[in-house]
PDB file of N, CA and C in Angstrom:
ATOM      1  N   MET A   1     110.606 109.098 104.733  1.00  0.00           N
ATOM      2  CA  MET A   1     110.714 109.409 103.385  1.00  0.00           C
ATOM      3  C   MET A   1     109.867 108.306 102.630  1.00  0.00           C
ATOM      4  N   ILE A   2     108.996 108.712 101.599  1.00  0.00           N
ATOM      5  CA  ILE A   2     108.253 107.801 100.879  1.00  0.00           C
ATOM      6  C   ILE A   2     108.965 107.871  99.457  1.00  0.00           C
ATOM      7  N   ASP A   3     109.398 106.527  99.052  1.00  0.00           N
ATOM      8  CA  ASP A   3     110.251 106.436  97.840  1.00  0.00           C
ATOM      9  C   ASP A   3     109.452 105.259  97.024  1.00  0.00           C
ATOM     10  N   GLU A   4     109.509 105.609  95.566  1.00  0.00           N
ATOM     11  CA  GLU A   4     108.947 104.689  94.761  1.00  0.00           C
ATOM     12  C   GLU A   4     110.100 103.755  94.336  1.00  0.00           C
ATOM     13  N   ILE A   5     109.905 102.400  94.343  1.00  0.00           N
ATOM     14  CA  ILE A   5     110.772 101.407  93.961  1.00  0.00           C
ATOM     15  C   ILE A   5     111.099 101.535  92.523  1.00  0.00           C
ATOM     16  N   GLY A   6     112.492 101.582  92.141  1.00  0.00           N
ATOM     17  CA  GLY A   6     112.947 101.559  90.724  1.00  0.00           C
ATOM     18  C   GLY A   6     113.142 103.172  90.338  1.00  0.00           C
ATOM     19  N   LYS A   7     112.878 104.001  91.217  1.00  0.00           N
ATOM     20  CA  LYS A   7     113.057 105.674  90.742  1.00  0.00           C
ATOM     21  C   LYS A   7     114.104 106.020  91.746  1.00  0.00           C
ATOM     22  N   GLY A   8     115.192 106.577  91.383  1.00  0.00           N
ATOM     23  CA  GLY A   8     116.137 107.169  92.236  1.00  0.00           C
ATOM     24  C   GLY A   8     116.879 106.094  92.967  1.00  0.00           C
ATOM     25  N   ARG A   9     117.336 106.218  94.173  1.00  0.00           N
ATOM     26  CA  ARG A   9     118.095 105.234  94.854  1.00  0.00           C
ATOM     27  C   ARG A   9     117.083 104.174  95.422  1.00  0.00           C
ATOM     28  N   THR A  10     117.357 103.131  95.313  1.00  0.00           N
ATOM     29  CA  THR A  10     116.562 101.917  95.612  1.00  0.00           C
ATOM     30  C   THR A  10     117.415 100.896  96.599  1.00  0.00           C
ATOM     31  N   PHE A  11     116.827 100.913  97.795  1.00  0.00           N
ATOM     32  CA  PHE A  11     117.493  99.939  98.763  1.00  0.00           C
ATOM     33  C   PHE A  11     117.068  98.546  98.559  1.00  0.00           C
ATOM     34  N   ASN A  12     117.812  97.678  97.833  1.00  0.00           N
ATOM     35  CA  ASN A  12     117.403  96.295  97.609  1.00  0.00           C
ATOM     36  C   ASN A  12     118.583  95.527  97.891  1.00  0.00           C
ATOM     37  N   ALA A  13     118.492  94.869  98.986  1.00  0.00           N
ATOM     38  CA  ALA A  13     119.515  93.981  99.308  1.00  0.00           C
ATOM     39  C   ALA A  13     118.983  92.447  99.434  1.00  0.00           C
ATOM     40  N   GLY A  14     117.912  92.243  98.469  1.00  0.00           N
ATOM     41  CA  GLY A  14     117.290  90.991  98.221  1.00  0.00           C
ATOM     42  C   GLY A  14     116.279  90.691  99.200  1.00  0.00           C
ATOM     43  N   HIS A  15     115.848  91.688  99.965  1.00  0.00           N
ATOM     44  CA  HIS A  15     114.746  91.656 100.883  1.00  0.00           C
ATOM     45  C   HIS A  15     113.370  91.996 100.335  1.00  0.00           C
ATOM     46  N   LEU A  16     113.273  92.547  99.151  1.00  0.00           N
ATOM     47  CA  LEU A  16     112.023  93.161  98.536  1.00  0.00           C
ATOM     48  C   LEU A  16     111.256  91.873  98.177  1.00  0.00           C
ATOM     49  N   PRO A  17     109.925  92.037  98.211  1.00  0.00           N
ATOM     50  CA  PRO A  17     108.941  91.084  97.593  1.00  0.00           C
ATOM     51  C   PRO A  17     109.294  90.873  96.107  1.00  0.00           C
ATOM     52  N   VAL A  18     108.910  89.627  95.711  1.00  0.00           N
ATOM     53  CA  VAL A  18     109.082  89.449  94.357  1.00  0.00           C
ATOM     54  C   VAL A  18     108.059  89.854  93.339  1.00  0.00           C
ATOM     55  N   ARG A  19     106.969  90.125  93.730  1.00  0.00           N
ATOM     56  CA  ARG A  19     105.873  90.599  92.701  1.00  0.00           C
ATOM     57  C   ARG A  19     104.929  91.743  93.466  1.00  0.00           C
ATOM     58  N   TYR A  20     104.295  92.545  92.632  1.00  0.00           N
ATOM     59  CA  TYR A  20     103.341  93.540  92.954  1.00  0.00           C
ATOM     60  C   TYR A  20     102.132  92.966  93.420  1.00  0.00           C
ATOM     61  N   PRO A  21     101.562  93.481  94.489  1.00  0.00           N
ATOM     62  CA  PRO A  21     101.770  94.693  95.209  1.00  0.00           C
ATOM     63  C   PRO A  21     102.752  94.407  96.372  1.00  0.00           C
ATOM     64  N   PHE A  22     103.744  95.219  96.313  1.00  0.00           N
ATOM     65  CA  PHE A  22     104.961  94.842  97.363  1.00  0.00           C
ATOM     66  C   PHE A  22     104.517  95.120  98.809  1.00  0.00           C
ATOM     67  N   GLY A  23     103.633  96.092  99.087  1.00  0.00           N
ATOM     68  CA  GLY A  23     103.283  96.293 100.382  1.00  0.00           C
ATOM     69  C   GLY A  23     102.055  95.701 100.781  1.00  0.00           C
ATOM     70  N   MET A  24     101.666  94.552 100.354  1.00  0.00           N
ATOM     71  CA  MET A  24     100.461  93.803 100.821  1.00  0.00           C
ATOM     72  C   MET A  24     100.450  93.590 102.170  1.00  0.00           C
ATOM     73  N   GLY A  25      99.416  94.276 102.771  1.00  0.00           N
ATOM     74  CA  GLY A  25      99.076  94.094 104.235  1.00  0.00           C
ATOM     75  C   GLY A  25      99.853  95.118 105.153  1.00  0.00           C
ATOM     76  N   LEU A  26     100.772  95.982 104.592  1.00  0.00           N
ATOM     77  CA  LEU A  26     101.364  96.904 105.275  1.00  0.00           C
ATOM     78  C   LEU A  26     100.508  98.189 105.299  1.00  0.00           C
ATOM     79  N   ASN A  27     100.388  98.736 106.383  1.00  0.00           N
ATOM     80  CA  ASN A  27      99.555 100.133 106.561  1.00  0.00           C
ATOM     81  C   ASN A  27     100.408 101.068 107.408  1.00  0.00           C
ATOM     82  N   VAL A  28     100.901 102.043 106.856  1.00  0.00           N
ATOM     83  CA  VAL A  28     101.700 102.966 107.626  1.00  0.00           C
ATOM     84  C   VAL A  28     100.884 104.311 107.983  1.00  0.00           C
ATOM     85  N   GLN A  29     100.955 104.678 109.249  1.00  0.00           N
ATOM     86  CA  GLN A  29     100.151 105.655 109.701  1.00  0.00           C
ATOM     87  C   GLN A  29     101.101 106.919 109.815  1.00  0.00           C
ATOM     88  N   ILE A  30     100.606 108.112 109.276  1.00  0.00           N
ATOM     89  CA  ILE A  30     101.372 109.396 109.218  1.00  0.00           C
ATOM     90  C   ILE A  30     100.610 110.504 109.832  1.00  0.00           C
ATOM     91  N   ARG A  31     101.094 110.963 110.776  1.00  0.00           N
ATOM     92  CA  ARG A  31     100.493 112.315 111.352  1.00  0.00           C
ATOM     93  C   ARG A  31     100.836 113.473 110.717  1.00  0.00           C
ATOM     94  N   VAL A  32      99.810 114.313 110.181  1.00  0.00           N
ATOM     95  CA  VAL A  32     100.156 115.633 109.605  1.00  0.00           C
ATOM     96  C   VAL A  32      99.336 116.564 110.354  1.00  0.00           C
ATOM     97  N   PRO A  33      99.573 117.870 110.070  1.00  0.00           N
ATOM     98  CA  PRO A  33      98.885 118.890 110.941  1.00  0.00           C
ATOM     99  C   PRO A  33      97.372 119.055 110.422  1.00  0.00           C
ATOM    100  N   SER A  34      97.056 118.606 109.012  1.00  0.00           N
ATOM    101  CA  SER A  34      95.804 118.702 108.581  1.00  0.00           C
ATOM    102  C   SER A  34      95.769 117.831 107.282  1.00  0.00           C
ATOM    103  N   ILE A  35      94.856 116.976 107.103  1.00  0.00           N
ATOM    104  CA  ILE A  35      94.705 116.153 106.062  1.00  0.00           C
ATOM    105  C   ILE A  35      94.217 116.852 104.678  1.00  0.00           C
ATOM    106  N   GLU A  36      93.387 117.977 105.030  1.00  0.00           N
ATOM    107  CA  GLU A  36      92.680 118.659 103.885  1.00  0.00           C
ATOM    108  C   GLU A  36      93.603 118.942 102.570  1.00  0.00           C
ATOM    109  N   PRO A  37      94.775 119.422 102.955  1.00  0.00           N
ATOM    110  CA  PRO A  37      95.617 119.722 101.690  1.00  0.00           C
ATOM    111  C   PRO A  37      96.059 118.502 100.903  1.00  0.00           C
ATOM    112  N   LEU A  38      96.212 117.531 101.486  1.00  0.00           N
ATOM    113  CA  LEU A  38      96.592 116.270 100.848  1.00  0.00           C
ATOM    114  C   LEU A  38      95.401 115.727 100.130  1.00  0.00           C
ATOM    115  N   VAL A  39      94.255 115.699 100.630  1.00  0.00           N
ATOM    116  CA  VAL A  39      92.957 115.148  99.961  1.00  0.00           C
ATOM    117  C   VAL A  39      92.816 116.112  98.870  1.00  0.00           C
ATOM    118  N   GLU A  40      92.879 117.325  99.040  1.00  0.00           N
ATOM    119  CA  GLU A  40      92.654 118.237  97.856  1.00  0.00           C
ATOM    120  C   GLU A  40      93.692 117.864  96.764  1.00  0.00           C
ATOM    121  N   ALA A  41      94.890 117.904  96.953  1.00  0.00           N
ATOM    122  CA  ALA A  41      95.963 117.492  95.997  1.00  0.00           C
ATOM    123  C   ALA A  41      95.600 116.261  95.274  1.00  0.00           C
ATOM    124  N   LEU A  42      95.230 115.219  96.009  1.00  0.00           N
ATOM    125  CA  LEU A  42      94.979 113.965  95.326  1.00  0.00           C
ATOM    126  C   LEU A  42      93.751 114.114  94.489  1.00  0.00           C
ATOM    127  N   ALA A  43      92.824 114.849  94.901  1.00  0.00           N
ATOM    128  CA  ALA A  43      91.587 114.998  94.045  1.00  0.00           C
ATOM    129  C   ALA A  43      91.992 115.813  92.668  1.00  0.00           C
ATOM    130  N   ARG A  44      92.790 116.867  92.838  1.00  0.00           N
ATOM    131  CA  ARG A  44      93.291 117.518  91.626  1.00  0.00           C
ATOM    132  C   ARG A  44      93.924 116.518  90.575  1.00  0.00           C
ATOM    133  N   ILE A  45      94.682 115.612  91.067  1.00  0.00           N
ATOM    134  CA  ILE A  45      95.300 114.689  90.190  1.00  0.00           C
ATOM    135  C   ILE A  45      94.394 113.463  89.859  1.00  0.00           C
ATOM    136  N   LYS A  46      93.197 113.366  90.423  1.00  0.00           N
ATOM    137  CA  LYS A  46      92.204 112.349  90.233  1.00  0.00           C
ATOM    138  C   LYS A  46      92.969 110.981  90.740  1.00  0.00           C
ATOM    139  N   HIS A  47      93.730 111.010  91.845  1.00  0.00           N
ATOM    140  CA  HIS A  47      94.138 109.710  92.537  1.00  0.00           C
ATOM    141  C   HIS A  47      93.184 109.230  93.456  1.00  0.00           C
ATOM    142  N   PRO A  48      92.814 108.129  93.253  1.00  0.00           N
ATOM    143  CA  PRO A  48      91.731 107.525  94.186  1.00  0.00           C
ATOM    144  C   PRO A  48      92.280 107.347  95.593  1.00  0.00           C
ATOM    145  N   LEU A  49      91.230 107.358  96.548  1.00  0.00           N
ATOM    146  CA  LEU A  49      91.469 107.079  97.944  1.00  0.00           C
ATOM    147  C   LEU A  49      91.255 105.583  98.138  1.00  0.00           C
ATOM    148  N   PHE A  50      92.082 104.949  98.809  1.00  0.00           N
ATOM    149  CA  PHE A  50      91.733 103.579  99.236  1.00  0.00           C
ATOM    150  C   PHE A  50      90.638 103.386 100.226  1.00  0.00           C
ATOM    151  N   LEU A  51      90.622 104.370 101.070  1.00  0.00           N
ATOM    152  CA  LEU A  51      89.604 104.462 102.134  1.00  0.00           C
ATOM    153  C   LEU A  51      89.321 105.977 102.275  1.00  0.00           C
ATOM    154  N   PRO A  52      87.991 106.265 102.198  1.00  0.00           N
ATOM    155  CA  PRO A  52      87.613 107.809 102.074  1.00  0.00           C
ATOM    156  C   PRO A  52      88.032 108.532 103.507  1.00  0.00           C
ATOM    157  N   VAL A  53      87.832 109.825 103.608  1.00  0.00           N
ATOM    158  CA  VAL A  53      87.976 110.505 104.834  1.00  0.00           C
ATOM    159  C   VAL A  53      86.883 110.154 105.868  1.00  0.00           C
ATOM    160  N   GLU A  54      87.456 109.841 107.060  1.00  0.00           N
ATOM    161  CA  GLU A  54      86.477 109.558 108.094  1.00  0.00           C
ATOM    162  C   GLU A  54      87.172 109.961 109.449  1.00  0.00           C
ATOM    163  N   ASP A  55      86.157 110.029 110.302  1.00  0.00           N
ATOM    164  CA  ASP A  55      86.539 110.396 111.778  1.00  0.00           C
ATOM    165  C   ASP A  55      86.483 109.105 112.468  1.00  0.00           C
ATOM    166  N   MET A  56      87.596 108.547 113.144  1.00  0.00           N
ATOM    167  CA  MET A  56      87.634 107.430 113.821  1.00  0.00           C
ATOM    168  C   MET A  56      87.910 107.603 115.365  1.00  0.00           C
ATOM    169  N   TRP A  57      87.276 106.954 116.267  1.00  0.00           N
ATOM    170  CA  TRP A  57      87.636 107.066 117.643  1.00  0.00           C
ATOM    171  C   TRP A  57      88.220 105.763 118.107  1.00  0.00           C
ATOM    172  N   TYR A  58      89.375 105.716 118.792  1.00  0.00           N
ATOM    173  CA  TYR A  58      89.921 104.562 119.416  1.00  0.00           C
ATOM    174  C   TYR A  58      90.148 104.680 120.715  1.00  0.00           C
ATOM    175  N   ARG A  59      89.705 103.603 121.438  1.00  0.00           N
ATOM    176  CA  ARG A  59      89.831 103.565 122.935  1.00  0.00           C
ATOM    177  C   ARG A  59      91.067 103.549 123.355  1.00  0.00           C
ATOM    178  N   VAL A  60      91.446 104.365 124.325  1.00  0.00           N
ATOM    179  CA  VAL A  60      92.835 104.407 125.065  1.00  0.00           C
ATOM    180  C   VAL A  60      92.532 104.510 126.448  1.00  0.00           C
ATOM    181  N   GLY A  61      92.524 103.391 127.121  1.00  0.00           N
ATOM    182  CA  GLY A  61      92.121 103.582 128.600  1.00  0.00           C
ATOM    183  C   GLY A  61      90.658 103.861 128.846  1.00  0.00           C
ATOM    184  N   PRO A  62      90.435 104.818 129.677  1.00  0.00           N
ATOM    185  CA  PRO A  62      89.006 105.296 129.963  1.00  0.00           C
ATOM    186  C   PRO A  62      88.608 106.385 128.848  1.00  0.00           C
ATOM    187  N   ASN A  63      89.543 106.861 127.968  1.00  0.00           N
ATOM    188  CA  ASN A  63      89.155 107.724 127.010  1.00  0.00           C
ATOM    189  C   ASN A  63      89.116 107.230 125.521  1.00  0.00           C
ATOM    190  N   GLU A  64      88.877 108.114 124.708  1.00  0.00           N
ATOM    191  CA  GLU A  64      89.010 107.727 123.110  1.00  0.00           C
ATOM    192  C   GLU A  64      89.735 108.894 122.625  1.00  0.00           C
ATOM    193  N   SER A  65      90.576 108.549 121.632  1.00  0.00           N
ATOM    194  CA  SER A  65      91.453 109.346 121.006  1.00  0.00           C
ATOM    195  C   SER A  65      90.992 109.538 119.539  1.00  0.00           C
ATOM    196  N   GLY A  66      90.802 110.613 119.049  1.00  0.00           N
ATOM    197  CA  GLY A  66      90.148 110.701 117.705  1.00  0.00           C
ATOM    198  C   GLY A  66      91.149 111.170 116.616  1.00  0.00           C
ATOM    199  N   ASN A  67      90.872 110.491 115.436  1.00  0.00           N
ATOM    200  CA  ASN A  67      91.449 110.838 114.149  1.00  0.00           C
ATOM    201  C   ASN A  67      90.788 111.129 113.107  1.00  0.00           C
ATOM    202  N   ARG A  68      90.987 112.179 112.297  1.00  0.00           N
ATOM    203  CA  ARG A  68      90.387 112.365 111.002  1.00  0.00           C
ATOM    204  C   ARG A  68      91.362 111.874 110.051  1.00  0.00           C
ATOM    205  N   GLN A  69      90.979 110.867 109.176  1.00  0.00           N
ATOM    206  CA  GLN A  69      91.982 110.098 108.374  1.00  0.00           C
ATOM    207  C   GLN A  69      91.498 109.713 107.154  1.00  0.00           C
ATOM    208  N   PHE A  70      92.327 109.315 106.192  1.00  0.00           N
ATOM    209  CA  PHE A  70      92.048 108.604 105.025  1.00  0.00           C
ATOM    210  C   PHE A  70      93.220 107.712 104.584  1.00  0.00           C
ATOM    211  N   VAL A  71      92.951 106.757 103.809  1.00  0.00           N
ATOM    212  CA  VAL A  71      94.053 105.870 103.308  1.00  0.00           C
ATOM    213  C   VAL A  71      94.222 105.808 101.759  1.00  0.00           C
ATOM    214  N   VAL A  72      95.475 106.027 101.372  1.00  0.00           N
ATOM    215  CA  VAL A  72      95.782 106.057  99.890  1.00  0.00           C
ATOM    216  C   VAL A  72      96.815 104.901  99.619  1.00  0.00           C
ATOM    217  N   ALA A  73      96.803 104.246  98.604  1.00  0.00           N
ATOM    218  CA  ALA A  73      97.893 103.202  98.108  1.00  0.00           C
ATOM    219  C   ALA A  73      98.905 104.098  97.299  1.00  0.00           C
ATOM    220  N   ASP A  74     100.089 103.951  97.521  1.00  0.00           N
ATOM    221  CA  ASP A  74     101.156 104.483  96.858  1.00  0.00           C
ATOM    222  C   ASP A  74     101.481 103.526  95.613  1.00  0.00           C
ATOM    223  N   PRO A  75     102.349 104.078  94.837  1.00  0.00           N
ATOM    224  CA  PRO A  75     102.484 103.328  93.469  1.00  0.00           C
ATOM    225  C   PRO A  75     103.076 101.942  93.652  1.00  0.00           C
ATOM    226  N   ASP A  76     103.611 101.547  94.744  1.00  0.00           N
ATOM    227  CA  ASP A  76     104.098 100.234  94.960  1.00  0.00           C
ATOM    228  C   ASP A  76     103.172  99.403  95.729  1.00  0.00           C
ATOM    229  N   GLY A  77     101.994  99.907  96.045  1.00  0.00           N
ATOM    230  CA  GLY A  77     100.898  99.060  96.732  1.00  0.00           C
ATOM    231  C   GLY A  77     100.922  99.348  98.355  1.00  0.00           C
ATOM    232  N   TYR A  78     101.807 100.078  98.988  1.00  0.00           N
ATOM    233  CA  TYR A  78     101.769 100.251 100.249  1.00  0.00           C
ATOM    234  C   TYR A  78     100.658 101.160 100.657  1.00  0.00           C
ATOM    235  N   LEU A  79      99.958 100.916 101.787  1.00  0.00           N
ATOM    236  CA  LEU A  79      98.755 101.696 102.150  1.00  0.00           C
ATOM    237  C   LEU A  79      99.362 102.739 103.236  1.00  0.00           C
ATOM    238  N   LEU A  80      99.112 103.974 102.912  1.00  0.00           N
ATOM    239  CA  LEU A  80      99.316 105.062 103.722  1.00  0.00           C
ATOM    240  C   LEU A  80      98.262 105.811 104.276  1.00  0.00           C
ATOM    241  N   ARG A  81      98.210 105.711 105.617  1.00  0.00           N
ATOM    242  CA  ARG A  81      97.100 106.279 106.408  1.00  0.00           C
ATOM    243  C   ARG A  81      97.539 107.550 107.000  1.00  0.00           C
ATOM    244  N   PHE A  82      96.997 108.683 106.502  1.00  0.00           N
ATOM    245  CA  PHE A  82      97.220 109.991 106.783  1.00  0.00           C
ATOM    246  C   PHE A  82      96.275 110.398 107.897  1.00  0.00           C
ATOM    247  N   PHE A  83      96.725 111.239 109.008  1.00  0.00           N
ATOM    248  CA  PHE A  83      95.633 111.521 109.993  1.00  0.00           C
ATOM    249  C   PHE A  83      96.013 112.878 110.686  1.00  0.00           C
ATOM    250  N   HIS A  84      95.025 113.515 111.007  1.00  0.00           N
ATOM    251  CA  HIS A  84      95.202 114.504 112.069  1.00  0.00           C
ATOM    252  C   HIS A  84      94.392 114.500 113.345  1.00  0.00           C
ATOM    253  N   ASP A  85      94.898 114.968 114.448  1.00  0.00           N
ATOM    254  CA  ASP A  85      94.295 114.632 115.680  1.00  0.00           C
ATOM    255  C   ASP A  85      92.983 115.416 115.819  1.00  0.00           C
ATOM    256  N   LEU A  86      92.036 114.642 116.306  1.00  0.00           N
ATOM    257  CA  LEU A  86      90.781 115.364 116.777  1.00  0.00           C
ATOM    258  C   LEU A  86      90.720 115.445 118.270  1.00  0.00           C
ATOM    259  N   GLY A  87      91.699 115.076 119.042  1.00  0.00           N
ATOM    260  CA  GLY A  87      91.655 115.331 120.598  1.00  0.00           C
ATOM    261  C   GLY A  87      91.195 114.064 121.257  1.00  0.00           C
ATOM    262  N   VAL A  88      90.880 114.242 122.537  1.00  0.00           N
ATOM    263  CA  VAL A  88      90.521 113.207 123.306  1.00  0.00           C
ATOM    264  C   VAL A  88      89.141 113.416 123.954  1.00  0.00           C
ATOM    265  N   ARG A  89      88.442 112.317 124.214  1.00  0.00           N
ATOM    266  CA  ARG A  89      87.040 112.434 124.906  1.00  0.00           C
ATOM    267  C   ARG A  89      86.978 111.164 125.706  1.00  0.00           C
ATOM    268  N   LEU A  90      85.800 111.453 126.664  1.00  0.00           N
ATOM    269  CA  LEU A  90      85.658 110.266 127.566  1.00  0.00           C
ATOM    270  C   LEU A  90      84.919 109.201 126.871  1.00  0.00           C
ATOM    271  N   CYS A  91      85.159 107.928 126.948  1.00  0.00           N
ATOM    272  CA  CYS A  91      84.481 106.865 126.405  1.00  0.00           C
ATOM    273  C   CYS A  91      82.934 106.901 126.673  1.00  0.00           C
ATOM    274  N   LYS A  92      82.117 106.557 125.708  1.00  0.00           N
ATOM    275  CA  LYS A  92      80.726 106.451 125.942  1.00  0.00           C
ATOM    276  C   LYS A  92      80.605 105.046 126.542  1.00  0.00           C
ATOM    277  N   ALA A  93      79.819 104.831 127.490  1.00  0.00           N
ATOM    278  CA  ALA A  93      79.395 103.784 128.249  1.00  0.00           C
ATOM    279  C   ALA A  93      78.795 102.666 127.274  1.00  0.00           C
TER     280      ALA A  93
END
């Protein structure tokens, strides 16, 4: 669940940071079937992307695992990295 601090039920047991941005340094990765509907919805409301859509390949042993991804900051400053899977390929030497 993604929740905005101060709206609805807030879980504050004295552990929250004392000033904005609350999520400084936190990057949450969220897998979705396709990022395109999210990117289109954010564009419609003119919400900026923190990092634009990109294809990234990450080494996993002898292979690379691909993500099409983007990063957006939520209202509390947390960075949300939405991605969908591009598959696996052999590492380039």
